[in-house]
Protein backbone atom coordinates (compact mmCIF):
# COMPACT_ATOMS: atom_id res chain seq x y z
CA UNK A 1 36.57 12.27 19.04
CA UNK A 2 39.43 10.34 17.46
CA UNK A 3 41.07 7.79 17.51
CA UNK A 4 38.63 4.87 17.90
CA UNK A 5 38.40 2.92 21.15
CA UNK A 6 40.36 0.00 19.72
CA UNK A 7 43.04 2.29 18.33
CA UNK A 8 43.30 4.14 21.63
CA UNK A 9 43.69 0.88 23.57
CA UNK A 10 46.49 -0.20 21.24
CA UNK A 11 48.18 3.19 21.67
CA UNK A 12 47.85 2.96 25.44
CA UNK A 13 49.48 -0.46 25.52
CA UNK A 14 52.32 0.69 23.27
CA UNK A 15 52.92 3.76 25.46
CA UNK A 16 52.75 1.77 28.71
CA UNK A 17 55.12 -0.90 27.41
CA UNK A 18 57.54 1.85 26.37
CA UNK A 19 57.23 3.31 29.88
CA UNK A 20 58.70 0.10 31.32
CA UNK A 21 62.05 1.02 29.73
CA UNK A 22 62.48 3.48 32.63
CA UNK A 23 63.80 1.50 35.62
CA UNK A 24 63.92 3.95 38.49
CA UNK A 25 66.04 3.64 41.62
CA UNK A 26 66.62 7.06 43.17
CA UNK A 27 63.62 9.31 42.56
CA UNK A 28 63.59 12.54 40.55
CA UNK A 29 61.06 15.14 39.46
CA UNK A 30 58.52 13.55 37.12
CA UNK A 31 59.03 9.96 38.22
CA UNK A 32 55.78 9.96 40.19
CA UNK A 33 53.58 10.40 37.13
CA UNK A 34 55.42 7.59 35.35
CA UNK A 35 54.63 5.21 38.21
CA UNK A 36 51.05 6.49 38.54
CA UNK A 37 50.56 6.13 34.80
CA UNK A 38 51.58 2.48 34.85
CA UNK A 39 49.25 1.81 37.77
CA UNK A 40 46.34 3.35 35.86
CA UNK A 41 47.25 1.48 32.68
CA UNK A 42 47.32 -1.87 34.49
CA UNK A 43 43.53 -2.16 34.13
CA UNK A 44 44.02 -2.14 30.35
CA UNK A 45 47.09 -4.37 30.16
CA UNK A 46 47.04 -7.39 27.85
CA UNK A 47 47.35 -10.80 29.45
CA UNK A 48 50.80 -10.92 31.03
CA UNK A 49 51.25 -7.18 30.54
CA UNK A 50 52.68 -6.78 34.02
CA UNK A 51 52.59 -2.98 34.45
CA UNK A 52 51.79 -3.26 38.15
CA UNK A 53 54.46 -5.92 38.54
CA UNK A 54 56.99 -3.56 36.96
CA UNK A 55 56.02 -0.89 39.50
CA UNK A 56 56.33 -3.38 42.37
CA UNK A 57 59.77 -4.45 41.21
CA UNK A 58 60.95 -0.83 41.17
CA UNK A 59 59.43 0.08 44.53
CA UNK A 60 60.70 -3.03 46.27
CA UNK A 61 64.21 -2.51 44.92
CA UNK A 62 64.14 1.15 45.99
CA UNK A 63 62.99 0.23 49.49
CA UNK A 64 65.46 -2.60 50.01
CA UNK A 65 68.51 -1.42 48.04
CA UNK A 66 68.47 2.37 47.72
CA UNK A 67 69.79 4.05 50.90
CA UNK A 68 67.46 6.71 52.38
CA UNK A 69 68.23 10.11 50.85
CA UNK A 70 66.81 13.56 50.14
CA UNK A 71 65.37 12.41 46.80
CA UNK A 72 62.92 10.15 48.65
CA UNK A 73 60.61 13.18 48.88
CA UNK A 74 60.14 13.02 45.10
CA UNK A 75 58.85 9.45 45.34
CA UNK A 76 55.40 8.50 44.02
CA UNK A 77 54.10 8.69 47.56
CA UNK A 78 50.43 8.03 46.82
CA UNK A 79 51.22 4.85 44.91
CA UNK A 80 53.73 3.69 47.52
CA UNK A 81 51.14 4.10 50.27
CA UNK A 82 48.51 2.33 48.17
CA UNK A 83 50.91 -0.60 47.75
CA UNK A 84 51.44 -0.63 51.52
CA UNK A 85 47.69 -0.70 52.02
CA UNK A 86 47.44 -3.56 49.52
CA UNK A 87 50.02 -5.55 51.49
CA UNK A 88 52.64 -5.45 48.72
CA UNK A 89 55.12 -3.19 50.54
CA UNK A 90 55.99 -2.90 54.24
CA UNK A 91 54.75 0.10 56.20
CA UNK A 92 58.35 1.34 56.46
CA UNK A 93 58.25 2.28 52.75
CA UNK A 94 55.52 4.84 53.39
CA UNK A 95 57.04 5.97 56.68
CA UNK A 96 60.37 6.60 54.95
CA UNK A 97 58.81 9.12 52.55
CA UNK A 98 56.65 10.84 55.16
CA UNK A 99 59.54 11.11 57.64
CA UNK A 100 61.78 12.74 55.05
CA UNK A 101 59.05 15.22 54.12
CA UNK A 102 58.46 16.20 57.72
CA UNK A 103 62.17 16.86 58.26
CA UNK A 104 62.52 19.46 55.51
CA UNK A 105 62.61 23.25 56.00
CA UNK A 106 59.50 25.14 54.91
CA UNK A 107 59.68 27.32 51.81
CA UNK A 108 56.28 28.95 52.29
CA UNK A 109 53.57 28.19 54.84
CA UNK A 110 53.50 24.41 55.20
CA UNK A 111 55.15 23.84 51.80
CA UNK A 112 58.57 22.17 52.10
CA UNK A 113 61.67 23.06 50.12
CA UNK A 114 62.04 19.67 48.51
CA UNK A 115 65.63 19.52 47.26
CA UNK A 116 67.95 21.22 49.77
CA UNK A 117 70.97 19.42 48.28
CA UNK A 118 70.42 20.67 44.69
CA UNK A 119 71.36 24.33 44.06
CA UNK A 120 68.59 24.89 41.51
CA UNK A 121 65.85 23.84 43.96
CA UNK A 122 67.48 24.56 47.28
CA UNK A 123 65.11 27.09 48.89
CA UNK A 124 61.96 27.34 46.82
CA UNK A 125 58.64 25.93 45.66
CA UNK A 126 58.34 24.30 42.24
CA UNK A 127 54.86 23.95 40.72
CA UNK A 128 55.64 20.32 39.85
CA UNK A 129 55.28 19.52 43.56
CA UNK A 130 51.54 20.18 43.39
CA UNK A 131 51.28 16.94 41.44
CA UNK A 132 52.70 14.49 43.97
CA UNK A 133 52.82 16.09 47.42
CA UNK A 134 49.10 16.71 48.15
CA UNK A 135 48.25 13.25 46.81
CA UNK A 136 50.86 11.71 49.09
CA UNK A 137 49.36 13.32 52.16
CA UNK A 138 45.81 12.51 51.05
CA UNK A 139 46.70 8.85 50.69
CA UNK A 140 48.46 8.98 54.06
CA UNK A 141 45.15 10.14 55.55
CA UNK A 142 43.39 7.14 54.04
CA UNK A 143 46.05 4.78 55.32
CA UNK A 144 46.34 6.15 58.84
CA UNK A 145 42.86 7.55 59.43
CA UNK A 146 44.54 10.74 60.64
CA UNK A 147 42.57 13.79 59.45
CA UNK A 148 45.61 15.99 59.97
CA UNK A 149 47.11 14.52 56.80
CA UNK A 150 43.98 15.50 54.84
CA UNK A 151 44.13 19.02 56.21
CA UNK A 152 47.80 19.27 55.34
CA UNK A 153 47.21 18.02 51.79
CA UNK A 154 44.59 20.70 51.18
CA UNK A 155 46.57 23.48 52.81
CA UNK A 156 49.72 22.52 50.90
CA UNK A 157 47.93 22.57 47.54
CA UNK A 158 46.27 25.92 48.19
CA UNK A 159 49.42 27.59 49.53
CA UNK A 160 51.46 26.40 46.54
CA UNK A 161 48.93 27.86 44.12
CA UNK A 162 48.70 31.11 46.07
CA UNK A 163 52.40 31.79 46.08
CA UNK A 164 52.83 30.79 42.41
CA UNK A 165 50.00 32.97 41.05
CA UNK A 166 51.18 35.35 38.35
CA UNK A 167 49.61 37.60 35.74
CA UNK A 168 49.46 35.00 32.94
CA UNK A 169 48.52 32.04 35.15
CA UNK A 170 50.73 30.21 37.66
CA UNK A 171 54.51 30.45 37.70
CA UNK A 172 56.96 27.58 37.75
CA UNK A 173 58.95 28.81 40.73
CA UNK A 174 58.76 30.76 43.98
CA UNK A 175 61.87 31.53 46.01
CA UNK A 176 61.57 33.12 49.46
CA UNK A 177 65.11 34.47 49.15
CA UNK A 178 63.83 36.59 46.24
CA UNK A 179 60.49 37.14 47.99
CA UNK A 180 58.59 36.48 44.76
CA UNK A 181 57.89 33.95 42.05
CA UNK A 182 59.53 34.12 38.63
CA UNK A 183 56.36 35.18 36.74
CA UNK A 184 56.86 32.49 34.10
CA UNK A 185 53.51 30.85 33.33
CA UNK A 186 55.04 27.55 32.26
CA UNK A 187 52.30 25.57 30.56
CA UNK A 188 53.56 22.12 31.57
CA UNK A 189 53.76 23.31 35.17
CA UNK A 190 50.10 24.26 35.03
CA UNK A 191 49.43 20.74 33.76
CA UNK A 192 51.29 19.28 36.73
CA UNK A 193 49.24 21.46 39.07
CA UNK A 194 45.78 20.79 37.68
CA UNK A 195 46.23 17.03 37.58
CA UNK A 196 47.55 17.03 41.15
CA UNK A 197 44.64 19.19 42.33
CA UNK A 198 42.11 16.84 40.74
CA UNK A 199 43.84 13.77 42.19
CA UNK A 200 43.59 15.40 45.61
CA UNK A 201 39.84 16.02 45.24
CA UNK A 202 39.31 12.39 44.21
CA UNK A 203 41.45 10.91 46.99
CA UNK A 204 39.59 12.92 49.64
CA UNK A 205 36.20 12.20 48.04
CA UNK A 206 35.73 15.96 47.71
CA UNK A 207 35.53 16.49 51.48
CA UNK A 208 36.86 19.95 52.34
CA UNK A 209 38.08 20.40 48.76
CA UNK A 210 35.84 23.18 47.43
CA UNK A 211 38.72 25.65 47.08
CA UNK A 212 40.97 22.99 45.56
CA UNK A 213 38.29 22.12 42.99
CA UNK A 214 37.82 25.80 42.17
CA UNK A 215 41.56 26.18 41.58
CA UNK A 216 41.58 23.16 39.26
CA UNK A 217 38.71 24.67 37.29
CA UNK A 218 40.54 27.99 36.96
CA UNK A 219 43.70 26.30 35.66
CA UNK A 220 41.76 24.25 33.11
CA UNK A 221 39.88 27.34 31.95
CA UNK A 222 43.13 29.27 31.57
CA UNK A 223 44.66 26.46 29.53
CA UNK A 224 41.52 26.25 27.39
CA UNK A 225 41.93 29.95 26.57
CA UNK A 226 45.53 29.62 25.41
CA UNK A 227 45.65 26.48 23.26
CA UNK A 228 47.24 26.74 19.80
CA UNK A 229 45.30 25.65 16.74
CA UNK A 230 47.24 22.36 16.47
CA UNK A 231 46.06 21.26 19.92
CA UNK A 232 49.33 21.98 21.73
CA UNK A 233 50.45 24.83 23.97
CA UNK A 234 53.38 27.22 23.95
CA UNK A 235 55.93 26.40 26.62
CA UNK A 236 55.10 29.76 28.23
CA UNK A 237 51.58 31.17 28.09
CA UNK A 238 51.08 34.55 26.38
CA UNK A 239 54.61 34.45 24.98
CA UNK A 240 54.63 34.36 21.16
CA UNK A 241 58.39 33.70 21.16
CA UNK A 242 58.02 30.45 23.13
CA UNK A 243 58.07 27.21 21.17
CA UNK A 244 55.24 24.70 21.30
CA UNK A 245 55.64 21.35 23.06
CA UNK A 246 53.41 18.33 23.54
CA UNK A 247 53.20 17.37 27.20
CA UNK A 248 50.62 20.02 28.10
CA UNK A 249 48.17 18.48 25.63
CA UNK A 250 48.44 15.16 27.47
CA UNK A 251 48.03 16.88 30.84
CA UNK A 252 44.93 18.63 29.54
CA UNK A 253 43.37 15.39 28.28
CA UNK A 254 44.10 13.55 31.54
CA UNK A 255 42.68 16.46 33.56
CA UNK A 256 39.61 17.21 31.44
CA UNK A 257 38.59 13.52 31.56
CA UNK A 258 39.44 13.13 35.26
CA UNK A 259 36.52 11.91 37.41
CA UNK A 260 36.95 14.96 39.67
CA UNK A 261 36.49 17.24 36.63
CA UNK A 262 33.03 15.94 35.77
CA UNK A 263 30.54 18.78 35.63
CA UNK A 264 33.07 21.42 34.59
CA UNK A 265 31.98 23.40 31.55
CA UNK A 266 35.02 22.98 29.31
CA UNK A 267 35.02 23.59 25.54
CA UNK A 268 34.75 20.28 23.69
CA UNK A 269 36.85 21.59 20.80
CA UNK A 270 39.82 22.18 23.11
CA UNK A 271 39.71 18.59 24.32
CA UNK A 272 39.25 17.28 20.78
CA UNK A 273 42.28 19.22 19.53
CA UNK A 274 44.35 18.07 22.53
CA UNK A 275 43.45 14.42 21.87
CA UNK A 276 44.55 14.88 18.27
CA UNK A 277 47.83 16.43 19.37
CA UNK A 278 48.50 13.49 21.71
CA UNK A 279 47.78 11.01 18.93
CA UNK A 280 50.22 12.71 16.57
CA UNK A 281 52.93 12.88 19.25
CA UNK A 282 52.88 9.13 19.89
CA UNK A 283 55.48 7.37 17.74
CA UNK A 284 54.98 3.87 16.35
CA UNK A 285 57.19 2.38 19.08
CA UNK A 286 55.09 3.99 21.84
CA UNK A 287 57.42 6.91 22.58
CA UNK A 288 55.62 10.16 23.37
CA UNK A 289 57.58 12.70 21.34
CA UNK A 290 57.92 16.49 21.34
CA UNK A 291 58.28 16.89 25.10
CA UNK A 292 60.86 19.32 26.45
CA UNK A 293 63.64 17.95 28.61
CA UNK A 294 64.26 18.92 32.23
CA UNK A 295 63.35 22.60 32.73
CA UNK A 296 65.13 23.99 35.77
CA UNK A 297 63.85 27.01 37.70
CA UNK A 298 65.15 30.25 36.24
CA UNK A 299 64.62 34.00 36.46
CA UNK A 300 65.39 34.40 32.74
CA UNK A 301 62.32 33.95 30.52
CA UNK A 302 64.50 33.05 27.54
CA UNK A 303 65.56 29.77 29.16
CA UNK A 304 61.95 28.56 28.93
CA UNK A 305 61.27 29.52 25.33
CA UNK A 306 63.41 26.93 23.58
CA UNK A 307 64.44 23.71 25.27
CA UNK A 308 65.72 20.39 23.92
CA UNK A 309 63.06 17.74 23.31
CA UNK A 310 63.63 14.11 24.18
CA UNK A 311 61.92 11.03 25.65
CA UNK A 312 61.28 11.50 29.35
CA UNK A 313 59.60 9.86 32.32
CA UNK A 314 57.22 12.80 32.70
CA UNK A 315 56.27 12.94 29.03
CA UNK A 316 55.71 9.21 28.80
CA UNK A 317 53.91 9.07 32.14
CA UNK A 318 51.39 11.80 31.38
CA UNK A 319 50.75 10.31 27.95
CA UNK A 320 49.88 7.01 29.62
CA UNK A 321 47.57 8.80 32.05
CA UNK A 322 45.86 10.63 29.19
CA UNK A 323 45.38 7.46 27.16
CA UNK A 324 44.13 5.61 30.26
CA UNK A 325 41.59 8.39 30.86
CA UNK A 326 40.40 8.06 27.27
CA UNK A 327 40.10 4.29 27.64
CA UNK A 328 38.08 4.64 30.86
CA UNK A 329 35.80 7.28 29.35
CA UNK A 330 35.05 5.26 26.25
CA UNK A 331 34.40 2.05 28.14
CA UNK A 332 32.11 3.78 30.62
CA UNK A 333 34.31 2.85 33.60
CA UNK A 334 35.26 6.35 34.71
CA UNK A 335 35.41 6.21 38.49
């Protein structure tokens, strides 16, 4: 598998350093993976690299200077709670996120409608939420010792995936006011979901997670069946009119090399092609290129087929997670 270990480490450090150009204050979709990526990359930082310190600066400023608001529910909850457990943030930082989540209306089952103040997201369930919400509750269970948080994390993940299931895979969006999902098997969304499912299994040490692990396996298998020859994926699965983009390749690498994915029978050639696609997408300055910009929920398939491409927190963050997973695998420190 290419590139070499030394080349991969250099790429990881370039990508992580580039990630520090994003200085978050209010949270938005995709910010969680940027923060998580930097926390994972910290183990591979050069002397004085300061990725964790960058995260601490952001989280402390958010907690002390950003007034509580609806966007708090998009925070990197698992990392925030870990920092509380480490003694680097006060307990009120974690409580702020959990309190906001508990105050939201439910969109389906126990799944909250996360953005009641934004028209595009007002009533429904976005597949992106599978990445950060179950992990937040799983980490809350570790912090508090309250098993109800573990149960909620598992139920939330399963109910999201149930309501988003569609013919080609899993849809981006479910809206109870339409009583259905939009049947758009958005490939990046499936990347969000599988990485969140695997994080949940790891955080709960697999306890009670058999169905979650099975769902993660199904998503990875579906992605493995639909990869293009260049190692990337179409923005929408089974849609020949949809353009290719690069973030799904990074999600696949991060997921296939995830410690919770060990033992899954995944085709090596798919992973090898995805690693190659990630390498080609990383510019000399560390920017992960070829990632589509913000994709809002829509009932019109055409809006997913061709989207602008630009640097983004989610593209950069998942690239850092993928490169960190490669570094851990090659050094034998996968844990």
